[in-house]
N, C-alpha and C. Protein backbone atom coordinates (compact mmCIF):
# COMPACT_ATOMS: atom_id res chain seq x y z
N MET A 1 -13.12 2.29 26.52
CA MET A 1 -11.45 1.76 26.24
C MET A 1 -11.41 1.17 25.44
N PRO A 2 -10.66 2.17 24.63
CA PRO A 2 -10.48 1.57 23.51
C PRO A 2 -9.96 0.53 22.65
N LEU A 3 -9.79 0.46 21.51
CA LEU A 3 -9.62 -1.40 21.26
C LEU A 3 -8.35 -1.48 20.14
N ILE A 4 -7.63 -0.20 20.21
CA ILE A 4 -5.93 0.15 20.04
C ILE A 4 -5.40 1.27 20.85
N GLU A 5 -4.10 1.53 21.18
CA GLU A 5 -3.60 2.81 21.60
C GLU A 5 -2.08 2.58 20.63
N TRP A 6 -2.22 3.71 20.63
CA TRP A 6 -0.96 4.47 19.93
C TRP A 6 0.39 3.94 21.17
N ASP A 7 0.97 3.25 20.35
CA ASP A 7 2.79 3.43 21.76
C ASP A 7 3.76 3.36 20.59
N GLU A 8 4.04 4.85 20.74
CA GLU A 8 5.36 6.11 19.97
C GLU A 8 6.53 4.40 20.04
N GLU A 9 7.46 3.86 21.16
CA GLU A 9 7.67 2.61 20.22
C GLU A 9 8.11 2.15 19.79
N ARG A 10 6.67 1.21 20.14
CA ARG A 10 5.75 0.16 19.30
C ARG A 10 5.95 0.58 17.77
N HIS A 11 5.01 1.59 18.00
CA HIS A 11 4.31 1.92 16.82
C HIS A 11 4.88 2.49 15.62
N SER A 12 5.62 3.59 16.00
CA SER A 12 6.49 4.34 15.51
C SER A 12 7.64 4.24 13.97
N THR A 13 7.57 4.34 12.81
CA THR A 13 8.70 4.03 12.06
C THR A 13 9.27 5.08 12.00
N GLY A 14 9.29 6.72 12.58
CA GLY A 14 9.91 7.69 12.26
C GLY A 14 9.82 8.18 11.38
N ILE A 15 8.85 8.08 11.14
CA ILE A 15 8.05 8.81 9.49
C ILE A 15 7.32 10.05 9.08
N GLN A 16 7.04 10.46 10.45
CA GLN A 16 6.33 11.76 10.17
C GLN A 16 4.62 11.31 9.38
N THR A 17 4.65 10.85 8.84
CA THR A 17 3.48 11.50 7.97
C THR A 17 3.37 10.50 7.76
N VAL A 18 3.57 8.37 7.48
CA VAL A 18 3.60 8.04 7.90
C VAL A 18 2.42 7.39 9.14
N ASP A 19 3.33 8.22 10.40
CA ASP A 19 2.84 7.74 11.17
C ASP A 19 1.55 8.58 11.65
N ASP A 20 1.02 10.27 11.30
CA ASP A 20 0.09 10.07 11.64
C ASP A 20 -1.16 10.11 11.15
N GLN A 21 -0.53 9.68 9.48
CA GLN A 21 -1.79 8.39 9.19
C GLN A 21 -2.28 7.28 9.85
N HIS A 22 -0.87 6.52 10.78
CA HIS A 22 -1.34 5.17 11.23
C HIS A 22 -1.87 5.57 12.40
N MET A 23 -2.07 6.26 12.93
CA MET A 23 -2.34 7.51 13.96
C MET A 23 -3.92 7.40 14.18
N ARG A 24 -4.54 7.93 12.71
CA ARG A 24 -5.48 8.46 11.81
C ARG A 24 -6.73 6.41 11.86
N LEU A 25 -5.73 6.06 11.15
CA LEU A 25 -5.89 4.84 11.02
C LEU A 25 -6.80 3.99 13.07
N PHE A 26 -5.94 4.66 13.34
CA PHE A 26 -6.27 4.22 14.73
C PHE A 26 -7.83 4.51 15.81
N GLU A 27 -7.47 5.92 15.51
CA GLU A 27 -8.67 6.63 15.49
C GLU A 27 -9.98 6.18 14.90
N LEU A 28 -10.08 5.60 13.97
CA LEU A 28 -11.05 5.02 13.30
C LEU A 28 -11.92 3.94 13.51
N LEU A 29 -10.85 3.15 13.79
CA LEU A 29 -10.69 1.78 14.30
C LEU A 29 -11.17 1.77 15.62
N ASN A 30 -10.90 2.81 16.76
CA ASN A 30 -11.30 2.49 17.66
C ASN A 30 -13.17 3.40 17.82
N ASP A 31 -12.81 4.55 16.75
CA ASP A 31 -14.42 4.41 16.39
C ASP A 31 -15.44 4.14 16.37
N LEU A 32 -15.25 3.19 15.20
CA LEU A 32 -16.06 1.58 15.26
C LEU A 32 -15.91 1.45 16.59
N HIS A 33 -14.99 0.71 16.90
CA HIS A 33 -14.75 0.40 18.75
C HIS A 33 -16.51 0.53 19.47
N ALA A 34 -16.27 1.60 20.06
CA ALA A 34 -16.84 1.93 20.02
C ALA A 34 -18.33 2.20 19.77
N ALA A 35 -18.61 2.67 19.07
CA ALA A 35 -19.54 2.75 17.86
C ALA A 35 -20.64 1.50 18.47
N MET A 36 -19.93 0.16 18.31
CA MET A 36 -20.50 -1.22 18.44
C MET A 36 -20.09 -1.88 19.77
N GLU A 37 -20.12 -0.92 20.66
CA GLU A 37 -19.75 -1.18 21.75
C GLU A 37 -21.22 -0.44 23.05
N GLU A 38 -21.04 0.70 22.13
CA GLU A 38 -21.89 1.68 22.65
C GLU A 38 -23.59 1.27 22.14
N GLY A 39 -23.56 0.90 21.05
CA GLY A 39 -25.35 0.19 20.24
C GLY A 39 -25.29 1.19 19.21
N ARG A 40 -24.15 2.05 19.19
CA ARG A 40 -25.15 3.04 18.48
C ARG A 40 -25.48 2.12 16.92
N ALA A 41 -26.85 3.03 16.44
CA ALA A 41 -27.44 3.25 14.76
C ALA A 41 -26.50 2.63 13.68
N ASP A 42 -26.95 1.64 13.20
CA ASP A 42 -26.39 0.78 12.06
C ASP A 42 -25.65 1.75 11.24
N GLU A 43 -26.56 2.68 11.82
CA GLU A 43 -26.17 4.29 10.63
C GLU A 43 -25.46 4.48 10.58
N GLU A 44 -24.38 4.91 11.46
CA GLU A 44 -23.00 5.61 12.57
C GLU A 44 -21.82 4.59 12.21
N VAL A 45 -22.08 3.17 12.34
CA VAL A 45 -21.42 2.13 12.07
C VAL A 45 -21.56 2.02 10.49
N GLY A 46 -22.00 1.88 9.72
CA GLY A 46 -22.10 2.37 7.97
C GLY A 46 -21.06 3.56 8.47
N THR A 47 -21.12 4.03 8.36
CA THR A 47 -20.41 5.51 8.09
C THR A 47 -18.82 5.39 8.85
N VAL A 48 -18.79 4.88 9.38
CA VAL A 48 -17.80 4.41 10.42
C VAL A 48 -16.38 3.64 9.72
N LEU A 49 -17.36 3.11 9.19
CA LEU A 49 -17.08 1.62 8.50
C LEU A 49 -16.28 2.29 6.28
N GLN A 50 -17.27 3.01 6.18
CA GLN A 50 -17.00 3.77 5.30
C GLN A 50 -16.15 4.60 5.40
N ASP A 51 -15.50 5.61 6.41
CA ASP A 51 -14.40 5.90 6.10
C ASP A 51 -13.24 5.75 6.56
N LEU A 52 -13.67 4.07 7.42
CA LEU A 52 -12.38 3.68 7.33
C LEU A 52 -12.10 3.03 6.02
N ASP A 53 -12.65 2.41 5.45
CA ASP A 53 -12.97 2.09 4.17
C ASP A 53 -11.59 3.14 2.81
N GLU A 54 -12.22 4.40 3.00
CA GLU A 54 -11.45 5.21 2.14
C GLU A 54 -10.16 5.79 3.12
N TYR A 55 -10.07 5.45 3.87
CA TYR A 55 -8.79 6.65 4.47
C TYR A 55 -7.72 5.53 4.22
N THR A 56 -8.10 3.83 4.29
CA THR A 56 -7.20 2.33 4.34
C THR A 56 -6.63 2.65 2.93
N GLU A 57 -7.48 2.87 2.05
CA GLU A 57 -7.27 3.57 0.06
C GLU A 57 -6.19 4.27 0.25
N TYR A 58 -6.70 5.49 0.30
CA TYR A 58 -5.49 6.60 0.92
C TYR A 58 -4.74 5.94 1.31
N HIS A 59 -3.93 5.85 2.51
CA HIS A 59 -3.72 5.23 3.45
C HIS A 59 -2.32 4.98 2.26
N PHE A 60 -2.65 3.22 1.80
CA PHE A 60 -1.51 2.69 0.72
C PHE A 60 -1.05 3.46 -0.06
N THR A 61 -1.99 4.20 -0.18
CA THR A 61 -1.21 4.48 -1.52
C THR A 61 -0.44 5.61 -1.67
N ASP A 62 -0.68 6.86 -0.62
CA ASP A 62 0.45 7.50 -0.07
C ASP A 62 1.87 6.52 0.72
N GLU A 63 1.21 5.45 1.18
CA GLU A 63 2.60 5.01 1.23
C GLU A 63 3.33 4.30 0.36
N GLU A 64 2.15 4.14 -0.40
CA GLU A 64 3.62 2.95 -1.48
C GLU A 64 4.11 4.04 -2.37
N GLY A 65 3.15 5.40 -2.45
CA GLY A 65 3.87 6.20 -3.40
C GLY A 65 5.53 7.03 -2.55
N MET A 66 5.07 7.06 -1.25
CA MET A 66 6.80 7.06 -0.14
C MET A 66 7.82 6.48 -0.52
N MET A 67 7.14 4.97 -0.87
CA MET A 67 8.04 4.06 -0.31
C MET A 67 8.95 4.41 -2.10
N GLN A 68 8.09 4.46 -2.97
CA GLN A 68 8.68 4.50 -4.51
C GLN A 68 9.51 5.14 -4.66
N ASP A 69 8.84 6.83 -4.03
CA ASP A 69 10.02 8.69 -3.87
C ASP A 69 11.15 7.88 -3.71
N CYS A 70 11.34 7.17 -2.86
CA CYS A 70 12.60 7.08 -1.38
C CYS A 70 14.00 6.46 -1.95
N GLY A 71 12.89 5.33 -2.65
CA GLY A 71 13.81 4.19 -3.80
C GLY A 71 13.84 3.05 -2.63
N TYR A 72 12.65 3.20 -2.03
CA TYR A 72 12.63 1.92 -1.42
C TYR A 72 12.20 0.70 -2.00
N ALA A 73 11.57 1.14 -3.25
CA ALA A 73 10.17 -0.32 -3.89
C ALA A 73 11.58 -0.35 -5.07
N ASP A 74 12.55 0.07 -4.98
CA ASP A 74 14.03 -0.60 -6.26
C ASP A 74 14.39 -0.83 -4.66
N GLU A 75 15.12 -0.54 -4.15
CA GLU A 75 15.99 -0.98 -3.68
C GLU A 75 15.60 -2.21 -3.19
N CYS A 76 14.30 -2.26 -2.72
CA CYS A 76 14.53 -3.35 -1.75
C CYS A 76 12.94 -4.05 -2.53
N ASN A 77 13.21 -4.26 -3.50
CA ASN A 77 11.81 -5.28 -4.27
C ASN A 77 11.07 -5.77 -4.25
N GLY A 78 11.18 -7.14 -3.94
CA GLY A 78 10.72 -7.93 -3.40
C GLY A 78 9.60 -7.59 -2.35
N CYS A 79 10.97 -6.59 -1.48
CA CYS A 79 9.68 -6.72 0.28
C CYS A 79 8.53 -4.98 -0.45
N PHE A 80 8.84 -4.45 -1.21
CA PHE A 80 7.25 -3.61 -1.56
C PHE A 80 7.01 -4.57 -2.58
N ASN A 81 7.41 -5.23 -3.23
CA ASN A 81 6.00 -6.01 -3.46
C ASN A 81 5.25 -7.07 -2.90
N ASP A 82 5.51 -6.97 -1.90
CA ASP A 82 5.02 -8.20 -0.74
C ASP A 82 4.50 -7.23 0.10
N HIS A 83 4.72 -5.70 0.71
CA HIS A 83 3.85 -5.29 1.50
C HIS A 83 2.81 -4.94 -0.06
N LYS A 84 2.80 -4.58 -0.71
CA LYS A 84 1.73 -3.73 -1.89
C LYS A 84 1.14 -4.83 -1.95
N GLU A 85 1.59 -6.02 -1.93
CA GLU A 85 0.44 -7.35 -1.91
C GLU A 85 -0.79 -7.22 -0.44
N VAL A 86 -0.10 -7.08 0.79
CA VAL A 86 -0.67 -7.60 2.24
C VAL A 86 -1.66 -6.29 2.18
N HIS A 87 -1.36 -5.95 2.04
CA HIS A 87 -2.35 -4.65 2.09
C HIS A 87 -3.06 -4.04 1.42
N ALA A 88 -2.58 -4.23 -0.90
CA ALA A 88 -4.10 -5.39 -0.89
C ALA A 88 -5.63 -5.92 -0.37
N GLU A 89 -4.76 -6.69 0.20
CA GLU A 89 -5.07 -7.66 1.12
C GLU A 89 -6.54 -7.68 1.98
N PHE A 90 -5.65 -6.61 2.82
CA PHE A 90 -6.60 -6.03 3.74
C PHE A 90 -7.07 -4.91 3.61
N ALA A 91 -6.73 -4.10 2.37
CA ALA A 91 -8.39 -3.46 1.46
C ALA A 91 -8.80 -3.79 1.21
N SER A 92 -9.34 -4.72 0.89
CA SER A 92 -10.46 -5.60 0.66
C SER A 92 -10.57 -6.33 1.56
N ARG A 93 -10.09 -6.57 2.76
CA ARG A 93 -11.01 -7.50 3.41
C ARG A 93 -11.95 -5.92 4.39
N VAL A 94 -10.84 -4.91 4.28
CA VAL A 94 -11.94 -3.93 5.12
C VAL A 94 -12.91 -3.23 3.85
N SER A 95 -12.69 -3.61 2.78
CA SER A 95 -14.26 -2.97 1.54
C SER A 95 -15.20 -3.92 2.05
N GLN A 96 -15.14 -5.22 2.11
CA GLN A 96 -15.67 -6.70 2.02
C GLN A 96 -16.91 -6.29 3.40
N LEU A 97 -16.17 -6.23 4.25
CA LEU A 97 -16.82 -5.89 5.80
C LEU A 97 -17.39 -4.74 5.63
N ARG A 98 -17.76 -3.51 4.95
CA ARG A 98 -18.32 -2.31 5.34
C ARG A 98 -19.00 -3.15 4.10
N GLU A 99 -18.77 -3.61 2.59
CA GLU A 99 -20.03 -4.13 2.38
C GLU A 99 -20.92 -5.03 2.51
N ARG A 100 -20.22 -6.10 3.16
CA ARG A 100 -21.14 -6.99 4.46
C ARG A 100 -21.78 -6.67 5.69
N HIS A 101 -21.53 -5.32 6.10
CA HIS A 101 -23.04 -4.60 7.15
C HIS A 101 -24.34 -3.98 5.74
N GLU A 102 -23.45 -2.75 5.03
CA GLU A 102 -24.46 -2.51 4.08
C GLU A 102 -25.26 -3.39 3.48
N ASP A 103 -25.18 -5.16 3.40
CA ASP A 103 -25.96 -5.79 3.33
C ASP A 103 -26.91 -6.28 4.49
N GLY A 104 -27.24 -5.81 5.33
CA GLY A 104 -27.68 -6.16 6.38
C GLY A 104 -27.37 -6.93 7.98
N GLU A 105 -26.40 -7.30 7.14
CA GLU A 105 -24.95 -8.22 8.03
C GLU A 105 -24.27 -7.85 9.39
N TYR A 106 -24.61 -8.44 10.21
CA TYR A 106 -23.59 -7.86 11.20
C TYR A 106 -22.15 -7.96 11.58
N ILE A 107 -21.84 -7.08 12.05
CA ILE A 107 -20.33 -7.07 12.56
C ILE A 107 -19.94 -6.98 13.70
N THR A 108 -19.72 -8.36 13.69
CA THR A 108 -19.21 -8.79 14.81
C THR A 108 -17.36 -7.89 15.72
N MET A 109 -18.31 -8.25 16.79
CA MET A 109 -16.68 -8.54 17.69
C MET A 109 -15.34 -8.41 17.00
N ASP A 110 -15.22 -9.77 17.03
CA ASP A 110 -14.06 -10.88 16.15
C ASP A 110 -13.90 -10.04 15.31
N VAL A 111 -14.50 -9.75 14.49
CA VAL A 111 -13.78 -9.13 12.61
C VAL A 111 -13.12 -8.03 13.31
N LEU A 112 -13.63 -7.05 14.61
CA LEU A 112 -12.73 -5.01 14.71
C LEU A 112 -11.97 -5.93 15.30
N GLN A 113 -11.41 -7.29 15.66
CA GLN A 113 -10.25 -7.72 16.87
C GLN A 113 -9.06 -7.72 15.23
N PHE A 114 -9.53 -8.59 14.60
CA PHE A 114 -8.78 -9.04 13.19
C PHE A 114 -8.49 -8.23 12.52
N ALA A 115 -8.90 -6.79 12.82
CA ALA A 115 -8.17 -5.02 11.90
C ALA A 115 -7.54 -5.33 12.94
N ARG A 116 -7.78 -4.75 14.08
CA ARG A 116 -6.78 -4.25 14.72
C ARG A 116 -6.03 -5.06 15.36
N ASP A 117 -5.19 -6.51 15.29
CA ASP A 117 -4.69 -7.74 15.16
C ASP A 117 -3.54 -7.57 13.88
N TRP A 118 -4.44 -7.15 13.13
CA TRP A 118 -3.58 -7.22 11.44
C TRP A 118 -2.53 -5.60 11.83
N LEU A 119 -3.41 -4.30 11.65
CA LEU A 119 -2.93 -3.13 11.67
C LEU A 119 -1.75 -3.31 13.00
N ASP A 120 -1.92 -3.68 13.91
CA ASP A 120 -0.90 -3.18 15.78
C ASP A 120 0.51 -4.23 14.34
N SER A 121 0.11 -5.63 14.14
CA SER A 121 1.63 -6.31 13.73
C SER A 121 2.06 -5.74 11.95
N HIS A 122 1.47 -5.04 11.51
CA HIS A 122 1.66 -4.99 9.93
C HIS A 122 2.30 -3.91 10.29
N ILE A 123 1.69 -2.44 11.44
CA ILE A 123 2.93 -1.52 12.19
C ILE A 123 3.71 -1.85 12.07
N ALA A 124 4.05 -3.00 12.99
CA ALA A 124 5.12 -2.59 14.39
C ALA A 124 5.67 -4.26 13.75
N GLY A 125 5.68 -4.99 13.11
CA GLY A 125 6.29 -6.36 12.91
C GLY A 125 7.51 -5.46 11.59
N ASP A 126 8.16 -6.34 12.07
CA ASP A 126 9.83 -5.87 11.43
C ASP A 126 9.83 -6.12 10.49
N GLU A 127 9.24 -6.72 9.34
CA GLU A 127 8.82 -7.15 7.80
C GLU A 127 7.92 -5.79 7.23
N GLN A 128 7.15 -5.43 8.04
CA GLN A 128 6.68 -4.46 7.09
C GLN A 128 7.16 -2.87 7.63
N ASP A 129 6.08 -1.58 8.10
CA ASP A 129 5.99 -0.25 7.88
C ASP A 129 7.65 -0.21 8.53
N GLN A 130 7.93 -1.49 9.60
CA GLN A 130 9.02 -0.95 10.65
C GLN A 130 10.82 -1.37 9.41
N SER A 131 10.48 -1.77 8.89
CA SER A 131 11.40 -1.98 7.10
C SER A 131 12.06 -1.01 6.78
N TYR A 132 10.26 -0.32 6.04
CA TYR A 132 9.87 -0.07 5.11
C TYR A 132 10.74 2.22 5.97
N GLY A 133 10.18 2.20 7.58
CA GLY A 133 10.81 2.92 8.80
C GLY A 133 12.50 2.95 9.25
N GLU A 134 13.23 1.85 9.16
CA GLU A 134 14.75 2.13 8.65
C GLU A 134 15.11 2.16 7.84
N TYR A 135 14.96 2.18 6.68
CA TYR A 135 15.21 2.23 5.24
C TYR A 135 15.41 3.76 5.36
N VAL A 136 14.47 4.26 5.28
CA VAL A 136 14.47 5.53 5.42
C VAL A 136 15.55 5.92 5.92
N GLN A 137 15.26 6.18 7.88
CA GLN A 137 15.92 6.60 7.84
C GLN A 137 17.32 6.27 8.62
N ARG A 138 17.47 5.03 8.10
CA ARG A 138 19.33 4.04 7.26
C ARG A 138 19.82 5.22 5.71
N GLU A 139 18.98 5.19 5.06
CA GLU A 139 19.15 6.19 3.71
C GLU A 139 19.23 7.73 4.04
N PHE A 140 17.97 7.78 4.42
CA PHE A 140 18.16 9.68 4.87
C PHE A 140 18.04 10.26 6.21
N THR A 141 18.98 10.59 6.57
CA THR A 141 19.06 10.99 7.98
C THR A 141 18.11 11.81 8.54
N ASP A 142 18.01 12.63 7.46
CA ASP A 142 16.79 13.93 7.04
C ASP A 142 15.94 13.90 6.10
N TYR A 143 15.52 12.93 6.53
CA TYR A 143 14.53 12.76 5.09
C TYR A 143 12.95 13.47 6.22
N THR A 144 12.07 14.10 5.50
CA THR A 144 10.70 13.71 5.58
C THR A 144 10.46 13.87 4.77
N TYR A 145 9.15 13.35 4.45
CA TYR A 145 7.79 13.45 3.48
C TYR A 145 6.90 14.20 3.67
N GLU A 146 6.50 15.05 2.96
CA GLU A 146 5.37 15.57 3.08
C GLU A 146 4.90 16.33 2.10
């Protein structure tokens, strides 16, 4: 059973590129969950953690670039700065998680559930990705970011 499942109604921002990246983050969390649940080698858990760390950084950088390109960062500067701060905090936690694992610390399911809950609330929450998606849909009815 997956740790987190994509719910189009709850999670979709209406921006395909962002949604595709969010789905990839869900996939990485589910891969990590499966590896931990099945007791697979620590090396596999480490590889998935590294992938999650790298992809989180990639996604946040890309999403913030999109926010700047479409004017959201200017229109709602406070929202954008808050969003960047939340991204930075989560990226730091994921990096710390990877480093702790590399230092031999056992990663518990509680930590994984934190990541799931954070990602779910960040994407579905009114003050985060949904707000950005609504802005894009309102301001650019034909907007697509490639």
